Amino acid sequence: MDSRLQEIAESRYHQQQFLATLLELAVEQQWFDVRHMVQHDMAKAILSDYSYEIGRGHMHMPTYYDNWEEVVALGWQAFCEHTGLSPEKVQQHLQALGDKA
C-alpha cells in the first residue's frame, strides 16, 4: 500500500467520533452496520479521496480493487485498538451475520 494511502486511511479510521459511533453500534449488537461503515462507507471515502488526490479522478476502480482489502484491514485494526476487542472476537460477530442470512 502506498504510504500516502496508508496515512489517509489511518487518519480517517482513527477519528474519535467515527470510532465512538462504531463502538456504540457494537454495544447495541448492530454488527451489520459496523461492518458496513468500516468496509464500505469509510473505505470508499478513503479510496475515492486518494484516487482524486493522485490524479485519477474519484473512485478509480483499479485503485479501489488493488487497495480495498488493505484499507479495510486498517479499519478493523483501528476498531479493535479502540474497543479492546480481539480481531478473533470481531470476526466471530461478523461471521454470525452470515449465519443469519
Protein backbone atom coordinates (compact mmCIF):
# COMPACT_ATOMS: atom_id res chain seq x y z
CA MET A 1 0.00 0.00 0.00
CA ASP A 2 1.22 3.45 -0.88
CA SER A 3 2.38 5.40 2.17
CA ARG A 4 0.04 8.31 1.40
CA LEU A 5 -2.95 5.99 1.18
CA GLN A 6 -1.96 4.40 4.47
CA GLU A 7 -1.67 7.84 6.05
CA ILE A 8 -5.14 8.83 4.84
CA ALA A 9 -6.68 5.54 5.98
CA GLU A 10 -5.12 5.63 9.43
CA SER A 11 -6.17 9.24 9.91
CA ARG A 12 -9.75 8.62 8.88
CA TYR A 13 -10.25 5.36 10.73
CA HIS A 14 -8.83 6.88 13.93
CA GLN A 15 -11.26 9.80 14.04
CA GLN A 16 -12.69 9.77 17.54
CA GLN A 17 -16.29 10.40 16.53
CA PHE A 18 -16.16 7.62 13.94
CA LEU A 19 -14.75 5.17 16.48
CA ALA A 20 -17.27 6.25 19.11
CA THR A 21 -20.10 5.60 16.65
CA LEU A 22 -18.73 2.16 15.80
CA LEU A 23 -18.41 1.30 19.48
CA GLU A 24 -21.99 2.39 20.14
CA LEU A 25 -23.23 0.20 17.29
CA ALA A 26 -21.20 -2.76 18.52
CA VAL A 27 -22.57 -2.40 22.04
CA GLU A 28 -26.06 -2.38 20.54
CA GLN A 29 -25.14 -5.55 18.58
CA GLN A 30 -25.58 -3.74 15.27
CA TRP A 31 -22.72 -5.61 13.62
CA PHE A 32 -24.14 -5.28 10.11
CA ASP A 33 -23.91 -1.50 10.47
CA VAL A 34 -20.41 -1.68 11.98
CA ARG A 35 -19.24 -3.82 9.07
CA HIS A 36 -20.90 -1.55 6.54
CA MET A 37 -19.30 1.59 7.98
CA VAL A 38 -15.81 0.08 8.13
CA GLN A 39 -15.81 -1.89 4.89
CA HIS A 40 -17.97 0.27 2.68
CA ASP A 41 -18.69 3.82 3.81
CA MET A 42 -15.27 4.77 5.14
CA ALA A 43 -13.24 2.57 2.78
CA LYS A 44 -14.97 4.07 -0.26
CA ALA A 45 -14.46 7.61 1.04
CA ILE A 46 -10.77 6.98 1.70
CA LEU A 47 -10.14 5.35 -1.67
CA SER A 48 -12.14 7.97 -3.53
CA ASP A 49 -10.20 10.81 -1.91
CA TYR A 50 -6.89 9.06 -2.51
CA SER A 51 -7.76 8.36 -6.12
CA TYR A 52 -8.68 12.00 -6.66
CA GLU A 53 -5.54 13.20 -4.87
CA ILE A 54 -3.25 11.19 -7.15
CA GLY A 55 -5.00 12.50 -10.26
CA ARG A 56 -7.10 9.50 -11.24
CA GLY A 57 -10.48 11.10 -10.55
CA HIS A 58 -12.99 9.98 -7.98
CA MET A 59 -13.24 6.24 -7.40
CA HIS A 60 -10.75 4.95 -9.95
CA MET A 61 -11.79 1.30 -9.95
CA PRO A 62 -8.32 -0.30 -10.37
CA THR A 63 -7.10 1.78 -7.42
CA TYR A 64 -10.13 0.69 -5.44
CA TYR A 65 -9.76 -3.03 -6.19
CA ASP A 66 -5.99 -3.02 -5.68
CA ASN A 67 -6.21 -1.42 -2.22
CA TRP A 68 -9.62 -2.14 -0.72
CA GLU A 69 -8.62 -5.14 1.42
CA GLU A 70 -5.60 -3.40 2.94
CA VAL A 71 -7.61 -0.25 3.67
CA VAL A 72 -10.36 -2.29 5.34
CA ALA A 73 -7.75 -4.18 7.40
CA LEU A 74 -6.54 -0.84 8.78
CA GLY A 75 -10.13 -0.01 9.67
CA TRP A 76 -10.61 -3.20 11.63
CA GLN A 77 -7.27 -2.70 13.33
CA ALA A 78 -8.31 0.79 14.47
CA PHE A 79 -11.66 -0.58 15.69
CA CYS A 80 -10.01 -3.37 17.68
CA GLU A 81 -7.49 -0.97 19.22
CA HIS A 82 -10.28 1.42 20.22
CA THR A 83 -12.67 -1.17 21.64
CA GLY A 84 -10.19 -3.64 23.09
CA LEU A 85 -11.93 -6.45 21.22
CA SER A 86 -9.65 -9.02 19.68
CA PRO A 87 -9.71 -9.46 15.90
CA GLU A 88 -10.96 -13.01 16.52
CA LYS A 89 -13.93 -11.78 18.56
CA VAL A 90 -14.80 -9.23 15.86
CA GLN A 91 -14.56 -11.97 13.24
CA GLN A 92 -16.96 -14.14 15.26
CA HIS A 93 -19.52 -11.33 15.28
CA LEU A 94 -19.11 -10.78 11.55
CA GLN A 95 -19.38 -14.48 10.78
CA ALA A 96 -22.60 -14.62 12.78
CA LEU A 97 -24.07 -12.17 10.28
CA GLY A 98 -23.55 -14.74 7.54
CA ASP A 99 -25.19 -17.42 9.66
CA LYS A 100 -28.37 -15.32 9.92
CA ALA A 101 -28.69 -14.80 6.18
